């Protein structure tokens, strides 16, 4: 299922559409590998996943590849990283929630 999403292109969102509801989120979570949907203090959902590495350079290389994908897709996640880890948080800022493009980006990150 991940293959299907990773072949799609993120579509820029300028708002005006509703964010996915919980049923849609749960359906799309089945299409990505081990991402979690979390709810923030304003009841908006986002995707998050932590990746483990053996050293700082591996984390940095991964983050650089995520940045390249994000730029080519025009969809930019929140990224934090350090020695042996990287954390990627994805949501659509214009709708303060999740849309298909968030899951597309997650599936592309998983292919790194």
N, C-alpha and C. Protein backbone atom coordinates (compact mmCIF):
# COMPACT_ATOMS: atom_id res chain seq x y z
N UNK A 1 0.82 -1.20 0.00
CA UNK A 1 0.00 0.00 0.00
C UNK A 1 0.86 1.26 0.00
N UNK A 2 1.98 1.23 0.69
CA UNK A 2 2.85 2.40 0.73
C UNK A 2 3.30 2.79 -0.66
N UNK A 3 3.56 1.81 -1.50
CA UNK A 3 4.01 2.06 -2.87
C UNK A 3 3.02 2.98 -3.61
N UNK A 4 1.76 2.73 -3.45
CA UNK A 4 0.75 3.54 -4.11
C UNK A 4 0.87 5.01 -3.73
N UNK A 5 0.96 5.31 -2.46
CA UNK A 5 1.08 6.70 -2.02
C UNK A 5 2.40 7.32 -2.45
N UNK A 6 3.48 6.57 -2.38
CA UNK A 6 4.79 7.13 -2.69
C UNK A 6 4.94 7.49 -4.17
N UNK A 7 4.07 6.97 -5.00
CA UNK A 7 4.08 7.31 -6.43
C UNK A 7 3.29 8.58 -6.73
N UNK A 8 2.56 9.08 -5.75
CA UNK A 8 1.76 10.29 -5.95
C UNK A 8 2.61 11.52 -5.65
N UNK A 9 2.11 12.67 -6.06
CA UNK A 9 2.77 13.95 -5.82
C UNK A 9 1.95 14.73 -4.79
N UNK A 10 2.63 15.38 -3.86
CA UNK A 10 1.93 16.23 -2.90
C UNK A 10 1.28 17.39 -3.64
N UNK A 11 0.08 17.73 -3.21
CA UNK A 11 -0.65 18.84 -3.81
C UNK A 11 -0.65 19.99 -2.81
N UNK A 12 -0.11 21.14 -3.19
CA UNK A 12 -0.09 22.27 -2.27
C UNK A 12 -1.50 22.64 -1.81
N UNK A 13 -1.62 22.87 -0.52
CA UNK A 13 -2.92 23.22 0.05
C UNK A 13 -2.87 24.67 0.54
N UNK A 14 -3.82 25.44 0.10
CA UNK A 14 -3.92 26.82 0.53
C UNK A 14 -5.10 27.03 1.46
N UNK A 15 -5.62 25.93 1.99
CA UNK A 15 -6.78 26.01 2.89
C UNK A 15 -8.06 25.82 2.12
N UNK A 16 -9.15 26.04 2.78
CA UNK A 16 -10.44 25.94 2.13
C UNK A 16 -10.97 24.52 2.01
N UNK A 17 -10.23 23.55 2.53
CA UNK A 17 -10.72 22.17 2.56
C UNK A 17 -10.69 21.71 4.01
N UNK A 18 -11.55 20.77 4.36
CA UNK A 18 -11.51 20.28 5.74
C UNK A 18 -10.34 19.33 5.94
N UNK A 19 -9.80 19.34 7.14
CA UNK A 19 -8.78 18.36 7.51
C UNK A 19 -9.45 16.99 7.60
N UNK A 20 -8.67 15.94 7.43
CA UNK A 20 -9.19 14.58 7.57
C UNK A 20 -9.81 14.40 8.95
N UNK A 21 -10.90 13.64 8.99
CA UNK A 21 -11.47 13.26 10.27
C UNK A 21 -10.75 11.99 10.75
N UNK A 22 -11.07 11.54 11.94
CA UNK A 22 -10.37 10.42 12.55
C UNK A 22 -10.52 9.13 11.73
N UNK A 23 -11.66 8.90 11.12
CA UNK A 23 -11.84 7.71 10.28
C UNK A 23 -10.91 7.75 9.07
N UNK A 24 -10.81 8.90 8.43
CA UNK A 24 -9.92 9.05 7.28
C UNK A 24 -8.46 8.87 7.70
N UNK A 25 -8.11 9.45 8.83
CA UNK A 25 -6.75 9.32 9.34
C UNK A 25 -6.41 7.85 9.58
N UNK A 26 -7.30 7.15 10.26
CA UNK A 26 -7.05 5.73 10.55
C UNK A 26 -6.95 4.90 9.28
N UNK A 27 -7.73 5.22 8.27
CA UNK A 27 -7.65 4.52 6.99
C UNK A 27 -6.29 4.75 6.33
N UNK A 28 -5.82 5.97 6.32
CA UNK A 28 -4.54 6.29 5.70
C UNK A 28 -3.35 5.79 6.52
N UNK A 29 -3.48 5.69 7.83
CA UNK A 29 -2.39 5.16 8.65
C UNK A 29 -2.04 3.73 8.24
N UNK A 30 -3.01 3.00 7.72
CA UNK A 30 -2.77 1.64 7.26
C UNK A 30 -1.88 1.62 6.02
N UNK A 31 -1.73 2.75 5.36
CA UNK A 31 -0.98 2.83 4.11
C UNK A 31 0.46 3.29 4.29
N UNK A 32 0.84 3.63 5.53
CA UNK A 32 2.22 4.07 5.82
C UNK A 32 2.80 3.18 6.92
N UNK A 33 4.11 3.18 7.02
CA UNK A 33 4.81 2.27 7.93
C UNK A 33 5.10 2.89 9.29
N UNK A 34 4.33 2.49 10.28
CA UNK A 34 4.59 2.83 11.69
C UNK A 34 4.60 4.32 12.01
N UNK A 35 3.83 5.11 11.29
CA UNK A 35 3.64 6.50 11.66
C UNK A 35 2.50 6.55 12.68
N UNK A 36 2.56 7.52 13.57
CA UNK A 36 1.50 7.72 14.56
C UNK A 36 0.79 9.03 14.26
N UNK A 37 -0.50 9.04 14.48
CA UNK A 37 -1.28 10.28 14.41
C UNK A 37 -1.50 10.73 15.85
N UNK A 38 -1.08 11.94 16.13
CA UNK A 38 -1.23 12.52 17.47
C UNK A 38 -2.10 13.76 17.37
N UNK A 39 -2.69 14.10 18.49
CA UNK A 39 -3.56 15.27 18.57
C UNK A 39 -2.88 16.32 19.44
N UNK A 40 -2.82 17.56 18.96
CA UNK A 40 -2.19 18.61 19.75
C UNK A 40 -3.20 19.25 20.71
N UNK A 41 -2.77 20.28 21.41
CA UNK A 41 -3.62 20.92 22.42
C UNK A 41 -4.84 21.63 21.83
N UNK A 42 -4.82 21.86 20.51
CA UNK A 42 -5.96 22.50 19.85
C UNK A 42 -6.82 21.49 19.10
N UNK A 43 -6.63 20.21 19.41
CA UNK A 43 -7.37 19.11 18.79
C UNK A 43 -7.11 18.97 17.29
N UNK A 44 -5.92 19.38 16.85
CA UNK A 44 -5.51 19.20 15.46
C UNK A 44 -4.58 17.99 15.40
N UNK A 45 -4.71 17.21 14.36
CA UNK A 45 -3.90 16.00 14.22
C UNK A 45 -2.66 16.24 13.38
N UNK A 46 -1.62 15.47 13.68
CA UNK A 46 -0.38 15.49 12.91
C UNK A 46 0.20 14.07 12.90
N UNK A 47 1.07 13.81 11.93
CA UNK A 47 1.80 12.55 11.86
C UNK A 47 3.16 12.73 12.49
N UNK A 48 3.65 11.69 13.14
CA UNK A 48 4.98 11.76 13.73
C UNK A 48 5.62 10.38 13.71
N UNK A 49 6.93 10.39 13.50
CA UNK A 49 7.69 9.14 13.53
C UNK A 49 9.13 9.45 13.91
N UNK A 50 9.70 8.59 14.75
CA UNK A 50 11.09 8.73 15.12
C UNK A 50 11.90 7.62 14.46
N UNK A 51 13.04 8.00 13.92
CA UNK A 51 13.93 7.08 13.23
C UNK A 51 15.22 6.96 14.04
N UNK A 52 15.77 5.75 14.15
CA UNK A 52 16.99 5.51 14.91
C UNK A 52 18.17 5.26 13.97
N UNK A 53 19.34 5.77 14.37
CA UNK A 53 20.56 5.62 13.60
C UNK A 53 21.71 5.29 14.54
N UNK A 54 22.85 4.89 13.96
CA UNK A 54 24.00 4.49 14.77
C UNK A 54 24.92 5.63 15.15
N UNK A 55 24.72 6.79 14.53
CA UNK A 55 25.61 7.92 14.82
C UNK A 55 24.99 9.22 14.33
N UNK A 56 25.67 10.32 14.59
CA UNK A 56 25.16 11.63 14.21
C UNK A 56 25.14 11.83 12.69
N UNK A 57 26.20 11.41 12.02
CA UNK A 57 26.30 11.62 10.57
C UNK A 57 25.16 10.90 9.83
N UNK A 58 24.81 9.71 10.27
CA UNK A 58 23.70 8.98 9.64
C UNK A 58 22.39 9.73 9.82
N UNK A 59 22.18 10.28 11.01
CA UNK A 59 20.97 11.08 11.26
C UNK A 59 20.95 12.30 10.36
N UNK A 60 22.09 12.97 10.26
CA UNK A 60 22.19 14.17 9.44
C UNK A 60 21.95 13.85 7.96
N UNK A 61 22.53 12.77 7.48
CA UNK A 61 22.33 12.38 6.08
C UNK A 61 20.86 12.09 5.79
N UNK A 62 20.21 11.40 6.72
CA UNK A 62 18.78 11.11 6.57
C UNK A 62 17.97 12.41 6.51
N UNK A 63 18.24 13.31 7.42
CA UNK A 63 17.52 14.59 7.48
C UNK A 63 17.73 15.38 6.19
N UNK A 64 18.93 15.36 5.65
CA UNK A 64 19.19 16.06 4.38
C UNK A 64 18.36 15.46 3.25
N UNK A 65 18.22 14.14 3.23
CA UNK A 65 17.40 13.49 2.21
C UNK A 65 15.92 13.84 2.39
N UNK A 66 15.47 13.89 3.64
CA UNK A 66 14.08 14.31 3.91
C UNK A 66 13.88 15.73 3.40
N UNK A 67 14.84 16.59 3.66
CA UNK A 67 14.75 17.98 3.19
C UNK A 67 14.67 18.07 1.68
N UNK A 68 15.44 17.25 0.98
CA UNK A 68 15.39 17.24 -0.49
C UNK A 68 14.02 16.82 -0.99
N UNK A 69 13.47 15.77 -0.38
CA UNK A 69 12.13 15.31 -0.77
C UNK A 69 11.09 16.39 -0.47
N UNK A 70 11.17 16.96 0.71
CA UNK A 70 10.21 18.00 1.11
C UNK A 70 10.24 19.17 0.13
N UNK A 71 11.42 19.58 -0.25
CA UNK A 71 11.53 20.71 -1.18
C UNK A 71 10.97 20.34 -2.55
N UNK A 72 11.26 19.14 -3.03
CA UNK A 72 10.75 18.74 -4.35
C UNK A 72 9.24 18.56 -4.34
N UNK A 73 8.68 18.20 -3.19
CA UNK A 73 7.23 18.01 -3.07
C UNK A 73 6.51 19.31 -2.70
N UNK A 74 7.25 20.32 -2.27
CA UNK A 74 6.63 21.56 -1.82
C UNK A 74 5.82 21.38 -0.55
N UNK A 75 6.24 20.42 0.27
CA UNK A 75 5.52 20.09 1.51
C UNK A 75 6.58 19.86 2.59
N UNK A 76 6.60 20.74 3.58
CA UNK A 76 7.74 20.81 4.49
C UNK A 76 7.37 20.39 5.92
N UNK A 77 7.96 19.28 6.38
CA UNK A 77 7.68 18.80 7.73
C UNK A 77 8.52 19.54 8.77
N UNK A 78 8.17 19.35 10.02
CA UNK A 78 9.01 19.79 11.13
C UNK A 78 10.00 18.66 11.39
N UNK A 79 11.27 18.99 11.49
CA UNK A 79 12.31 17.99 11.65
C UNK A 79 13.17 18.34 12.86
N UNK A 80 13.42 17.34 13.70
CA UNK A 80 14.41 17.50 14.77
C UNK A 80 15.30 16.27 14.72
N UNK A 81 16.57 16.47 15.03
CA UNK A 81 17.49 15.33 15.00
C UNK A 81 18.69 15.59 15.89
N UNK A 82 19.39 14.53 16.18
CA UNK A 82 20.60 14.60 16.98
C UNK A 82 21.36 13.29 16.83
N UNK A 83 22.23 13.02 17.76
CA UNK A 83 23.04 11.82 17.69
C UNK A 83 22.13 10.59 17.76
N UNK A 84 22.05 9.86 16.66
CA UNK A 84 21.34 8.58 16.63
C UNK A 84 19.84 8.65 16.43
N UNK A 85 19.28 9.82 16.15
CA UNK A 85 17.83 9.87 15.95
C UNK A 85 17.45 11.02 15.02
N UNK A 86 16.28 10.87 14.45
CA UNK A 86 15.62 11.96 13.72
C UNK A 86 14.13 11.80 13.97
N UNK A 87 13.45 12.90 14.18
CA UNK A 87 12.01 12.89 14.40
C UNK A 87 11.37 13.77 13.33
N UNK A 88 10.37 13.21 12.65
CA UNK A 88 9.69 13.91 11.58
C UNK A 88 8.23 14.10 11.98
N UNK A 89 7.76 15.34 11.91
CA UNK A 89 6.37 15.68 12.22
C UNK A 89 5.77 16.31 10.97
N UNK A 90 4.64 15.76 10.52
CA UNK A 90 4.03 16.21 9.27
C UNK A 90 2.57 16.59 9.51
N UNK A 91 2.19 17.74 8.99
CA UNK A 91 0.78 18.14 8.92
C UNK A 91 0.66 19.26 7.90
N UNK A 92 -0.55 19.54 7.51
CA UNK A 92 -0.79 20.61 6.55
C UNK A 92 -1.12 21.88 7.32
N UNK A 93 -0.19 22.82 7.29
CA UNK A 93 -0.32 24.05 8.07
C UNK A 93 -1.57 24.84 7.69
N UNK A 94 -1.91 24.88 6.41
CA UNK A 94 -3.03 25.71 5.94
C UNK A 94 -4.38 25.25 6.48
N UNK A 95 -4.48 23.97 6.88
CA UNK A 95 -5.76 23.48 7.41
C UNK A 95 -5.62 23.01 8.86
N UNK A 96 -4.41 23.20 9.42
CA UNK A 96 -4.15 22.77 10.80
C UNK A 96 -4.58 21.32 11.05
N UNK A 97 -4.20 20.46 10.12
CA UNK A 97 -4.56 19.06 10.27
C UNK A 97 -3.94 18.23 9.16
N UNK A 98 -4.53 17.07 8.94
CA UNK A 98 -3.98 16.13 7.98
C UNK A 98 -4.81 16.05 6.70
N UNK A 99 -4.10 15.86 5.59
CA UNK A 99 -4.70 15.65 4.28
C UNK A 99 -3.88 14.56 3.58
N UNK A 100 -4.31 14.14 2.41
CA UNK A 100 -3.61 13.06 1.72
C UNK A 100 -2.13 13.38 1.50
N UNK A 101 -1.79 14.60 1.18
CA UNK A 101 -0.40 14.96 0.93
C UNK A 101 0.52 14.65 2.11
N UNK A 102 0.00 14.72 3.32
CA UNK A 102 0.80 14.40 4.50
C UNK A 102 1.21 12.92 4.48
N UNK A 103 0.29 12.08 4.09
CA UNK A 103 0.57 10.66 4.02
C UNK A 103 1.46 10.32 2.82
N UNK A 104 1.31 11.07 1.75
CA UNK A 104 2.20 10.91 0.59
C UNK A 104 3.63 11.21 1.01
N UNK A 105 3.82 12.33 1.70
CA UNK A 105 5.16 12.69 2.16
C UNK A 105 5.71 11.63 3.11
N UNK A 106 4.89 11.15 4.04
CA UNK A 106 5.33 10.11 4.97
C UNK A 106 5.78 8.86 4.23
N UNK A 107 5.05 8.47 3.20
CA UNK A 107 5.43 7.28 2.45
C UNK A 107 6.72 7.48 1.68
N UNK A 108 6.97 8.69 1.22
CA UNK A 108 8.23 8.99 0.52
C UNK A 108 9.40 8.98 1.50
N UNK A 109 9.19 9.49 2.70
CA UNK A 109 10.23 9.46 3.73
C UNK A 109 10.58 8.01 4.07
N UNK A 110 9.59 7.16 4.14
CA UNK A 110 9.83 5.76 4.46
C UNK A 110 10.68 5.05 3.42
N UNK A 111 10.72 5.55 2.22
CA UNK A 111 11.49 4.91 1.15
C UNK A 111 12.97 5.29 1.18
N UNK A 112 13.35 6.23 2.01
CA UNK A 112 14.76 6.64 2.08
C UNK A 112 15.59 5.46 2.59
